Amino acid sequence: MHNVRILSTKPSQTIRCFLLLSFMGFFACTGVSQDSKSTDKRTDLPVYEFEKVSKPDSEWKEELDKNQYYILREKGTERAFTGEYWDNKKEGVYICAACDLPLFESDTKFRSGTGWPSFYEPMYANTVAEEVDRTHGMVRTEVLCARCDGHLGHVFADGPKPTGLRYCLNSAALKFEEE
């Protein structure tokens, strides 16, 4: 007869291990673990002159469709690989879907593999604002339209050269003007 030794693990230990590994994987995918990779935000970008736009929620609800309102005003996120522009390869300019402020040029767009439109640099030094986002148990940098404060997405320090940045945006927060 053979002696067979069965290693048993308590279900609670298995569940804890699974949750820990899942949690670690989630943070790796979201770019939260910012390494020491240097980023080079250009300071020589042109400045765009504009006035702030401030409207009550009732006006935004009338002007934006349901998905745009959810993303731009309620800081929502569209599912990966579902937005209109994640795979757009046309040349042009991406503007804010709420207030038409020019934000990103197509020549700074790159294929990040995340399922959202990704850019390494805004068009202008002052059209994209950033805020600390502490939602969902993590710390990220939220990207906002500087004119209307609409939520665009997040920026991470894992993008390509020359900046090392990845502005990961929601398609519904953008409109595209083809050149």
N, C-alpha and C. Protein backbone atom coordinates (compact mmCIF):
# COMPACT_ATOMS: atom_id res chain seq x y z
N MET A 1 0.83 -1.18 0.00
CA MET A 1 0.00 0.00 0.00
C MET A 1 0.87 1.24 0.00
N HIS A 2 0.37 2.21 -0.65
CA HIS A 2 1.06 3.49 -0.70
C HIS A 2 0.50 4.42 0.35
N ASN A 3 1.39 5.15 0.96
CA ASN A 3 0.94 6.17 1.89
C ASN A 3 0.69 7.46 1.12
N VAL A 4 -0.53 7.90 1.10
CA VAL A 4 -0.88 9.13 0.42
C VAL A 4 -1.22 10.16 1.48
N ARG A 5 -0.55 11.26 1.38
CA ARG A 5 -0.80 12.33 2.35
C ARG A 5 -1.52 13.46 1.63
N ILE A 6 -2.67 13.79 2.05
CA ILE A 6 -3.45 14.84 1.42
C ILE A 6 -3.28 16.10 2.26
N LEU A 7 -2.82 17.14 1.57
CA LEU A 7 -2.69 18.43 2.23
C LEU A 7 -4.02 19.15 2.12
N SER A 8 -4.54 19.51 3.22
CA SER A 8 -5.81 20.23 3.16
C SER A 8 -5.58 21.67 3.60
N THR A 9 -6.31 22.51 2.95
CA THR A 9 -6.27 23.91 3.30
C THR A 9 -7.66 24.31 3.73
N LYS A 10 -7.73 25.05 4.77
CA LYS A 10 -9.03 25.51 5.23
C LYS A 10 -9.61 26.42 4.15
N PRO A 11 -10.91 26.31 3.91
CA PRO A 11 -11.53 27.16 2.89
C PRO A 11 -11.28 28.64 3.12
N SER A 12 -11.27 29.08 4.36
CA SER A 12 -11.06 30.51 4.62
C SER A 12 -9.66 30.95 4.20
N GLN A 13 -8.66 30.09 4.35
CA GLN A 13 -7.31 30.42 3.91
C GLN A 13 -7.26 30.50 2.39
N THR A 14 -7.93 29.59 1.72
CA THR A 14 -7.96 29.59 0.26
C THR A 14 -8.62 30.88 -0.25
N ILE A 15 -9.71 31.25 0.36
CA ILE A 15 -10.42 32.46 -0.05
C ILE A 15 -9.56 33.69 0.19
N ARG A 16 -8.92 33.76 1.35
CA ARG A 16 -8.04 34.91 1.64
C ARG A 16 -6.91 35.01 0.63
N CYS A 17 -6.31 33.87 0.30
CA CYS A 17 -5.22 33.85 -0.67
C CYS A 17 -5.72 34.32 -2.04
N PHE A 18 -6.89 33.82 -2.45
CA PHE A 18 -7.47 34.22 -3.74
C PHE A 18 -7.74 35.71 -3.76
N LEU A 19 -8.33 36.25 -2.70
CA LEU A 19 -8.63 37.67 -2.63
C LEU A 19 -7.37 38.52 -2.66
N LEU A 20 -6.35 38.08 -1.95
CA LEU A 20 -5.09 38.82 -1.94
C LEU A 20 -4.48 38.86 -3.33
N LEU A 21 -4.43 37.71 -4.00
CA LEU A 21 -3.86 37.67 -5.36
C LEU A 21 -4.70 38.48 -6.34
N SER A 22 -6.01 38.42 -6.21
CA SER A 22 -6.89 39.20 -7.07
C SER A 22 -6.67 40.69 -6.86
N PHE A 23 -6.56 41.09 -5.60
CA PHE A 23 -6.34 42.49 -5.25
C PHE A 23 -5.03 42.98 -5.84
N MET A 24 -3.98 42.17 -5.71
CA MET A 24 -2.67 42.55 -6.25
C MET A 24 -2.74 42.66 -7.77
N GLY A 25 -3.42 41.75 -8.42
CA GLY A 25 -3.57 41.80 -9.87
C GLY A 25 -4.33 43.01 -10.33
N PHE A 26 -5.37 43.40 -9.58
CA PHE A 26 -6.15 44.58 -9.93
C PHE A 26 -5.27 45.82 -9.92
N PHE A 27 -4.46 45.97 -8.88
CA PHE A 27 -3.60 47.14 -8.81
C PHE A 27 -2.56 47.15 -9.91
N ALA A 28 -2.05 46.00 -10.29
CA ALA A 28 -1.08 45.94 -11.37
C ALA A 28 -1.70 46.38 -12.68
N CYS A 29 -2.95 46.00 -12.93
CA CYS A 29 -3.63 46.35 -14.17
C CYS A 29 -4.03 47.82 -14.23
N THR A 30 -4.29 48.44 -13.10
CA THR A 30 -4.73 49.82 -13.12
C THR A 30 -3.57 50.80 -13.14
N GLY A 31 -2.37 50.32 -13.01
CA GLY A 31 -1.23 51.22 -13.04
C GLY A 31 -1.01 51.94 -11.72
N VAL A 32 -1.62 51.45 -10.65
CA VAL A 32 -1.51 52.12 -9.36
C VAL A 32 -0.10 52.05 -8.81
N SER A 33 0.55 50.92 -8.99
CA SER A 33 1.89 50.81 -8.44
C SER A 33 2.85 51.60 -9.30
N GLN A 34 2.99 52.85 -8.98
CA GLN A 34 3.85 53.74 -9.74
C GLN A 34 5.30 53.44 -9.37
N ASP A 35 6.07 53.03 -10.34
CA ASP A 35 7.46 52.76 -10.05
C ASP A 35 8.26 54.06 -10.13
N SER A 36 9.55 53.93 -10.07
CA SER A 36 10.39 55.13 -10.06
C SER A 36 10.71 55.62 -11.46
N LYS A 37 9.96 55.15 -12.46
CA LYS A 37 10.17 55.60 -13.83
C LYS A 37 9.99 57.11 -13.89
N SER A 38 10.92 57.80 -14.49
CA SER A 38 10.81 59.25 -14.55
C SER A 38 9.83 59.65 -15.64
N THR A 39 9.13 60.73 -15.38
CA THR A 39 8.22 61.28 -16.36
C THR A 39 8.68 62.69 -16.69
N ASP A 40 8.41 63.09 -17.89
CA ASP A 40 8.88 64.39 -18.35
C ASP A 40 7.70 65.19 -18.88
N LYS A 41 6.97 65.85 -17.98
CA LYS A 41 5.90 66.73 -18.43
C LYS A 41 6.56 67.93 -19.08
N ARG A 42 6.22 68.14 -20.33
CA ARG A 42 6.83 69.25 -21.04
C ARG A 42 6.30 70.57 -20.52
N THR A 43 7.20 71.50 -20.37
CA THR A 43 6.81 72.83 -19.91
C THR A 43 6.75 73.81 -21.08
N ASP A 44 7.12 73.34 -22.27
CA ASP A 44 7.13 74.23 -23.42
C ASP A 44 5.87 74.10 -24.29
N LEU A 45 4.83 73.44 -23.78
CA LEU A 45 3.59 73.34 -24.54
C LEU A 45 2.93 74.72 -24.61
N PRO A 46 2.23 75.00 -25.71
CA PRO A 46 1.54 76.29 -25.80
C PRO A 46 0.40 76.37 -24.79
N VAL A 47 -0.04 77.56 -24.54
CA VAL A 47 -1.15 77.82 -23.62
C VAL A 47 -2.37 78.20 -24.45
N TYR A 48 -3.53 77.67 -24.06
CA TYR A 48 -4.77 77.94 -24.77
C TYR A 48 -5.63 78.86 -23.91
N GLU A 49 -6.08 79.97 -24.49
CA GLU A 49 -6.89 80.91 -23.73
C GLU A 49 -8.36 80.49 -23.76
N PHE A 50 -8.97 80.43 -22.59
CA PHE A 50 -10.38 80.05 -22.47
C PHE A 50 -10.93 80.58 -21.17
N GLU A 51 -12.26 80.63 -21.10
CA GLU A 51 -12.95 81.00 -19.87
C GLU A 51 -13.59 79.74 -19.29
N LYS A 52 -13.61 79.63 -17.97
CA LYS A 52 -14.24 78.50 -17.29
C LYS A 52 -15.72 78.43 -17.65
N VAL A 53 -16.25 77.22 -17.70
CA VAL A 53 -17.67 76.99 -17.92
C VAL A 53 -18.24 76.38 -16.65
N SER A 54 -19.28 76.99 -16.14
CA SER A 54 -19.94 76.48 -14.95
C SER A 54 -21.44 76.47 -15.20
N LYS A 55 -22.04 75.28 -15.10
CA LYS A 55 -23.47 75.14 -15.35
C LYS A 55 -24.09 74.28 -14.26
N PRO A 56 -25.36 74.48 -13.98
CA PRO A 56 -26.03 73.58 -13.04
C PRO A 56 -26.20 72.19 -13.66
N ASP A 57 -26.34 71.20 -12.81
CA ASP A 57 -26.51 69.82 -13.29
C ASP A 57 -27.67 69.69 -14.26
N SER A 58 -28.74 70.44 -14.05
CA SER A 58 -29.90 70.34 -14.93
C SER A 58 -29.54 70.68 -16.38
N GLU A 59 -28.67 71.66 -16.58
CA GLU A 59 -28.22 72.01 -17.94
C GLU A 59 -27.34 70.92 -18.53
N TRP A 60 -26.41 70.39 -17.71
CA TRP A 60 -25.55 69.32 -18.21
C TRP A 60 -26.39 68.12 -18.63
N LYS A 61 -27.43 67.79 -17.86
CA LYS A 61 -28.29 66.65 -18.18
C LYS A 61 -29.03 66.85 -19.50
N GLU A 62 -29.36 68.09 -19.82
CA GLU A 62 -30.03 68.39 -21.09
C GLU A 62 -29.06 68.30 -22.27
N GLU A 63 -27.83 68.71 -22.06
CA GLU A 63 -26.86 68.81 -23.15
C GLU A 63 -26.11 67.51 -23.44
N LEU A 64 -25.92 66.68 -22.42
CA LEU A 64 -25.14 65.45 -22.59
C LEU A 64 -26.06 64.25 -22.64
N ASP A 65 -25.64 63.21 -23.37
CA ASP A 65 -26.44 61.98 -23.31
C ASP A 65 -26.17 61.30 -21.97
N LYS A 66 -26.92 60.25 -21.69
CA LYS A 66 -26.87 59.60 -20.37
C LYS A 66 -25.45 59.10 -20.03
N ASN A 67 -24.78 58.48 -20.99
CA ASN A 67 -23.44 57.95 -20.76
C ASN A 67 -22.42 59.07 -20.57
N GLN A 68 -22.51 60.12 -21.38
CA GLN A 68 -21.60 61.26 -21.23
C GLN A 68 -21.79 61.91 -19.86
N TYR A 69 -23.04 62.08 -19.45
CA TYR A 69 -23.30 62.68 -18.14
C TYR A 69 -22.70 61.82 -17.02
N TYR A 70 -22.91 60.51 -17.11
CA TYR A 70 -22.38 59.59 -16.11
C TYR A 70 -20.86 59.71 -16.00
N ILE A 71 -20.18 59.77 -17.12
CA ILE A 71 -18.72 59.82 -17.11
C ILE A 71 -18.20 61.22 -16.77
N LEU A 72 -18.66 62.22 -17.49
CA LEU A 72 -18.13 63.57 -17.31
C LEU A 72 -18.54 64.23 -15.99
N ARG A 73 -19.77 64.03 -15.56
CA ARG A 73 -20.26 64.74 -14.38
C ARG A 73 -20.27 63.89 -13.12
N GLU A 74 -20.43 62.55 -13.28
CA GLU A 74 -20.47 61.67 -12.11
C GLU A 74 -19.20 60.85 -11.95
N LYS A 75 -18.20 61.12 -12.76
CA LYS A 75 -16.88 60.48 -12.69
C LYS A 75 -16.95 58.98 -12.93
N GLY A 76 -17.78 58.58 -13.86
CA GLY A 76 -17.92 57.17 -14.21
C GLY A 76 -16.82 56.72 -15.15
N THR A 77 -16.86 55.44 -15.50
CA THR A 77 -15.89 54.84 -16.41
C THR A 77 -16.62 53.89 -17.35
N GLU A 78 -16.29 53.98 -18.63
CA GLU A 78 -16.88 53.03 -19.56
C GLU A 78 -16.07 51.74 -19.53
N ARG A 79 -16.68 50.64 -19.94
CA ARG A 79 -15.98 49.36 -19.97
C ARG A 79 -14.88 49.40 -21.03
N ALA A 80 -13.81 48.70 -20.75
CA ALA A 80 -12.68 48.62 -21.68
C ALA A 80 -13.14 48.03 -23.02
N PHE A 81 -12.54 48.51 -24.09
CA PHE A 81 -12.77 48.04 -25.46
C PHE A 81 -14.20 48.28 -25.96
N THR A 82 -14.94 49.19 -25.32
CA THR A 82 -16.31 49.46 -25.77
C THR A 82 -16.49 50.88 -26.28
N GLY A 83 -15.58 51.77 -25.97
CA GLY A 83 -15.72 53.18 -26.36
C GLY A 83 -15.44 53.39 -27.85
N GLU A 84 -15.96 54.47 -28.35
CA GLU A 84 -15.86 54.79 -29.78
C GLU A 84 -14.42 55.02 -30.25
N TYR A 85 -13.54 55.54 -29.40
CA TYR A 85 -12.22 55.98 -29.86
C TYR A 85 -11.05 55.13 -29.40
N TRP A 86 -11.26 54.05 -28.66
CA TRP A 86 -10.13 53.28 -28.14
C TRP A 86 -9.23 52.78 -29.27
N ASP A 87 -9.81 52.50 -30.44
CA ASP A 87 -9.02 51.96 -31.55
C ASP A 87 -9.04 52.90 -32.76
N ASN A 88 -9.39 54.15 -32.56
CA ASN A 88 -9.45 55.12 -33.65
C ASN A 88 -8.03 55.44 -34.13
N LYS A 89 -7.79 55.31 -35.43
CA LYS A 89 -6.46 55.57 -35.99
C LYS A 89 -6.45 56.78 -36.91
N LYS A 90 -7.56 57.50 -37.00
CA LYS A 90 -7.66 58.66 -37.88
C LYS A 90 -6.89 59.83 -37.28
N GLU A 91 -6.49 60.75 -38.17
CA GLU A 91 -5.77 61.95 -37.73
C GLU A 91 -6.76 63.05 -37.40
N GLY A 92 -6.49 63.74 -36.29
CA GLY A 92 -7.36 64.82 -35.88
C GLY A 92 -7.11 65.25 -34.46
N VAL A 93 -8.12 65.87 -33.88
CA VAL A 93 -8.02 66.43 -32.53
C VAL A 93 -9.17 65.89 -31.68
N TYR A 94 -8.84 65.53 -30.45
CA TYR A 94 -9.82 65.07 -29.47
C TYR A 94 -10.17 66.24 -28.58
N ILE A 95 -11.47 66.54 -28.48
CA ILE A 95 -11.94 67.67 -27.70
C ILE A 95 -12.88 67.18 -26.60
N CYS A 96 -13.11 68.02 -25.61
CA CYS A 96 -14.02 67.69 -24.52
C CYS A 96 -15.44 67.57 -25.08
N ALA A 97 -16.13 66.49 -24.76
CA ALA A 97 -17.49 66.26 -25.24
C ALA A 97 -18.49 67.22 -24.61
N ALA A 98 -18.13 67.84 -23.50
CA ALA A 98 -19.05 68.76 -22.81
C ALA A 98 -18.89 70.20 -23.26
N CYS A 99 -17.64 70.65 -23.46
CA CYS A 99 -17.43 72.09 -23.72
C CYS A 99 -16.57 72.39 -24.94
N ASP A 100 -16.18 71.37 -25.69
CA ASP A 100 -15.43 71.52 -26.95
C ASP A 100 -14.01 72.08 -26.77
N LEU A 101 -13.43 71.97 -25.60
CA LEU A 101 -12.06 72.43 -25.39
C LEU A 101 -11.10 71.43 -26.05
N PRO A 102 -10.17 71.89 -26.89
CA PRO A 102 -9.20 70.97 -27.50
C PRO A 102 -8.26 70.38 -26.44
N LEU A 103 -8.13 69.06 -26.45
CA LEU A 103 -7.37 68.38 -25.40
C LEU A 103 -6.14 67.63 -25.90
N PHE A 104 -6.32 66.74 -26.88
CA PHE A 104 -5.24 65.87 -27.34
C PHE A 104 -5.24 65.77 -28.86
N GLU A 105 -4.05 65.65 -29.43
CA GLU A 105 -3.90 65.43 -30.87
C GLU A 105 -3.69 63.95 -31.14
N SER A 106 -4.13 63.52 -32.30
CA SER A 106 -4.02 62.09 -32.64
C SER A 106 -2.58 61.62 -32.71
N ASP A 107 -1.64 62.50 -33.00
CA ASP A 107 -0.24 62.04 -33.09
C ASP A 107 0.38 61.74 -31.73
N THR A 108 -0.34 62.04 -30.63
CA THR A 108 0.14 61.66 -29.30
C THR A 108 -0.64 60.46 -28.74
N LYS A 109 -1.52 59.91 -29.56
CA LYS A 109 -2.31 58.73 -29.16
C LYS A 109 -1.47 57.49 -29.43
N PHE A 110 -1.56 56.51 -28.55
CA PHE A 110 -0.81 55.27 -28.75
C PHE A 110 -1.64 54.09 -28.29
N ARG A 111 -1.27 52.93 -28.77
CA ARG A 111 -1.97 51.69 -28.43
C ARG A 111 -1.41 51.18 -27.10
N SER A 112 -2.20 51.34 -26.03
CA SER A 112 -1.74 50.95 -24.70
C SER A 112 -2.14 49.54 -24.33
N GLY A 113 -3.10 48.97 -25.06
CA GLY A 113 -3.58 47.63 -24.75
C GLY A 113 -4.58 47.60 -23.61
N THR A 114 -5.00 48.78 -23.12
CA THR A 114 -5.91 48.85 -21.99
C THR A 114 -7.38 48.85 -22.40
N GLY A 115 -7.67 49.20 -23.65
CA GLY A 115 -9.05 49.27 -24.11
C GLY A 115 -9.67 50.65 -24.01
N TRP A 116 -8.88 51.65 -23.65
CA TRP A 116 -9.32 53.04 -23.61
C TRP A 116 -8.37 53.87 -24.47
N PRO A 117 -8.84 54.98 -25.03
CA PRO A 117 -7.93 55.86 -25.76
C PRO A 117 -6.82 56.33 -24.82
N SER A 118 -5.59 56.22 -25.27
CA SER A 118 -4.44 56.61 -24.43
C SER A 118 -3.55 57.57 -25.19
N PHE A 119 -3.09 58.58 -24.49
CA PHE A 119 -2.25 59.63 -25.06
C PHE A 119 -1.06 59.86 -24.14
N TYR A 120 0.07 60.31 -24.70
CA TYR A 120 1.22 60.58 -23.85
C TYR A 120 1.40 62.05 -23.53
N GLU A 121 0.56 62.93 -24.14
CA GLU A 121 0.74 64.35 -23.88
C GLU A 121 -0.47 65.15 -24.36
N PRO A 122 -0.93 66.12 -23.55
CA PRO A 122 -2.01 67.00 -24.01
C PRO A 122 -1.52 67.99 -25.07
N MET A 123 -2.46 68.61 -25.77
CA MET A 123 -2.12 69.61 -26.79
C MET A 123 -1.55 70.88 -26.17
N TYR A 124 -2.13 71.26 -25.04
CA TYR A 124 -1.78 72.54 -24.42
C TYR A 124 -1.39 72.31 -22.96
N ALA A 125 -0.62 73.24 -22.44
CA ALA A 125 -0.14 73.12 -21.06
C ALA A 125 -1.26 73.30 -20.03
N ASN A 126 -2.36 73.94 -20.41
CA ASN A 126 -3.36 74.33 -19.41
C ASN A 126 -4.77 73.78 -19.65
N THR A 127 -4.97 72.88 -20.60
CA THR A 127 -6.34 72.42 -20.88
C THR A 127 -6.73 71.17 -20.11
N VAL A 128 -5.77 70.49 -19.53
CA VAL A 128 -6.04 69.27 -18.76
C VAL A 128 -5.62 69.52 -17.32
N ALA A 129 -6.57 69.37 -16.41
CA ALA A 129 -6.30 69.54 -14.98
C ALA A 129 -6.16 68.17 -14.33
N GLU A 130 -5.49 68.13 -13.20
CA GLU A 130 -5.29 66.87 -12.48
C GLU A 130 -5.69 67.04 -11.02
N GLU A 131 -6.28 65.97 -10.46
CA GLU A 131 -6.64 65.94 -9.04
C GLU A 131 -6.32 64.56 -8.50
N VAL A 132 -6.05 64.48 -7.21
CA VAL A 132 -5.84 63.19 -6.56
C VAL A 132 -7.19 62.49 -6.44
N ASP A 133 -7.24 61.23 -6.82
CA ASP A 133 -8.46 60.41 -6.75
C ASP A 133 -8.19 59.26 -5.78
N ARG A 134 -8.90 59.24 -4.68
CA ARG A 134 -8.72 58.21 -3.65
C ARG A 134 -9.88 57.21 -3.61
N THR A 135 -10.64 57.11 -4.69
CA THR A 135 -11.77 56.18 -4.72
C THR A 135 -11.30 54.75 -4.96
N HIS A 136 -12.16 53.82 -4.68
CA HIS A 136 -11.92 52.39 -4.93
C HIS A 136 -10.70 51.83 -4.20
N GLY A 137 -10.35 52.42 -3.07
CA GLY A 137 -9.27 51.90 -2.24
C GLY A 137 -7.88 52.10 -2.82
N MET A 138 -7.72 53.05 -3.72
CA MET A 138 -6.40 53.30 -4.30
C MET A 138 -6.19 54.80 -4.49
N VAL A 139 -4.96 55.17 -4.79
CA VAL A 139 -4.65 56.57 -5.05
C VAL A 139 -4.20 56.67 -6.51
N ARG A 140 -4.96 57.47 -7.27
CA ARG A 140 -4.64 57.68 -8.68
C ARG A 140 -4.70 59.17 -8.97
N THR A 141 -4.29 59.55 -10.16
CA THR A 141 -4.38 60.94 -10.59
C THR A 141 -5.50 61.05 -11.62
N GLU A 142 -6.55 61.75 -11.23
CA GLU A 142 -7.69 61.96 -12.12
C GLU A 142 -7.37 63.07 -13.11
N VAL A 143 -7.86 62.93 -14.34
CA VAL A 143 -7.68 63.93 -15.39
C VAL A 143 -9.04 64.57 -15.65
N LEU A 144 -9.05 65.91 -15.63
CA LEU A 144 -10.27 66.69 -15.82
C LEU A 144 -10.10 67.70 -16.94
N CYS A 145 -11.18 68.06 -17.59
CA CYS A 145 -11.17 69.18 -18.53
C CYS A 145 -11.00 70.45 -17.70
N ALA A 146 -10.03 71.26 -18.04
CA ALA A 146 -9.75 72.47 -17.25
C ALA A 146 -10.83 73.54 -17.42
N ARG A 147 -11.61 73.47 -18.50
CA ARG A 147 -12.65 74.47 -18.72
C ARG A 147 -13.94 74.15 -17.95
N CYS A 148 -14.42 72.90 -18.02
CA CYS A 148 -15.73 72.57 -17.43
C CYS A 148 -15.64 71.59 -16.25
N ASP A 149 -14.43 71.18 -15.88
CA ASP A 149 -14.21 70.24 -14.78
C ASP A 149 -14.81 68.86 -15.05
N GLY A 150 -15.02 68.52 -16.31
CA GLY A 150 -15.54 67.21 -16.66
C GLY A 150 -14.48 66.13 -16.46
N HIS A 151 -14.90 65.01 -15.90
CA HIS A 151 -14.00 63.87 -15.68
C HIS A 151 -13.68 63.23 -17.03
N LEU A 152 -12.38 63.10 -17.33
CA LEU A 152 -11.93 62.50 -18.58
C LEU A 152 -11.42 61.08 -18.38
N GLY A 153 -10.70 60.85 -17.29
CA GLY A 153 -10.09 59.56 -17.01
C GLY A 153 -9.00 59.72 -15.97
N HIS A 154 -7.87 59.02 -16.17
CA HIS A 154 -6.75 59.07 -15.23
C HIS A 154 -5.44 59.10 -16.00
N VAL A 155 -4.38 59.55 -15.34
CA VAL A 155 -3.05 59.55 -15.95
C VAL A 155 -2.13 58.69 -15.08
N PHE A 156 -1.30 57.89 -15.76
CA PHE A 156 -0.37 56.98 -15.09
C PHE A 156 1.03 57.19 -15.64
N ALA A 157 2.02 56.83 -14.85
CA ALA A 157 3.42 57.00 -15.22
C ALA A 157 3.98 55.74 -15.87
N ASP A 158 3.23 55.15 -16.79
CA ASP A 158 3.71 53.94 -17.47
C ASP A 158 3.55 54.06 -18.99
N GLY A 159 3.61 55.28 -19.49
CA GLY A 159 3.45 55.52 -20.92
C GLY A 159 4.78 55.54 -21.66
N PRO A 160 4.70 55.78 -22.95
CA PRO A 160 5.91 55.78 -23.79
C PRO A 160 6.68 57.09 -23.69
N LYS A 161 7.86 57.08 -24.28
CA LYS A 161 8.64 58.31 -24.40
C LYS A 161 7.93 59.21 -25.39
N PRO A 162 8.07 60.47 -25.33
CA PRO A 162 9.04 61.22 -24.56
C PRO A 162 8.60 61.56 -23.14
N THR A 163 7.32 61.40 -22.78
CA THR A 163 6.87 61.85 -21.46
C THR A 163 6.82 60.74 -20.42
N GLY A 164 6.63 59.50 -20.84
CA GLY A 164 6.47 58.41 -19.89
C GLY A 164 5.08 58.39 -19.26
N LEU A 165 4.15 59.19 -19.80
CA LEU A 165 2.80 59.28 -19.24
C LEU A 165 1.80 58.55 -20.12
N ARG A 166 0.73 58.07 -19.47
CA ARG A 166 -0.40 57.45 -20.19
C ARG A 166 -1.67 58.09 -19.68
N TYR A 167 -2.20 59.00 -20.48
CA TYR A 167 -3.50 59.59 -20.19
C TYR A 167 -4.54 58.61 -20.69
N CYS A 168 -5.16 57.89 -19.79
CA CYS A 168 -6.11 56.83 -20.10
C CYS A 168 -7.52 57.42 -19.96
N LEU A 169 -8.20 57.65 -21.10
CA LEU A 169 -9.42 58.44 -21.12
C LEU A 169 -10.64 57.64 -21.55
N ASN A 170 -11.80 58.14 -21.21
CA ASN A 170 -13.07 57.56 -21.63
C ASN A 170 -13.47 58.17 -22.97
N SER A 171 -13.83 57.33 -23.93
CA SER A 171 -14.28 57.83 -25.24
C SER A 171 -15.48 58.75 -25.11
N ALA A 172 -16.40 58.42 -24.19
CA ALA A 172 -17.62 59.21 -24.04
C ALA A 172 -17.34 60.63 -23.54
N ALA A 173 -16.17 60.85 -22.98
CA ALA A 173 -15.80 62.18 -22.52
C ALA A 173 -15.20 63.02 -23.65
N LEU A 174 -15.04 62.41 -24.80
CA LEU A 174 -14.37 63.06 -25.92
C LEU A 174 -15.25 63.15 -27.16
N LYS A 175 -14.92 64.09 -28.01
CA LYS A 175 -15.41 64.14 -29.39
C LYS A 175 -14.17 64.19 -30.26
N PHE A 176 -14.30 63.73 -31.49
CA PHE A 176 -13.14 63.70 -32.38
C PHE A 176 -13.43 64.55 -33.59
N GLU A 177 -12.50 65.45 -33.90
CA GLU A 177 -12.58 66.29 -35.10
C GLU A 177 -11.51 65.82 -36.06
N GLU A 178 -11.92 65.15 -37.11
CA GLU A 178 -10.98 64.60 -38.09
C GLU A 178 -10.37 65.72 -38.93
N GLU A 179 -9.08 65.59 -39.23
CA GLU A 179 -8.40 66.59 -40.06
C GLU A 179 -8.49 66.20 -41.52
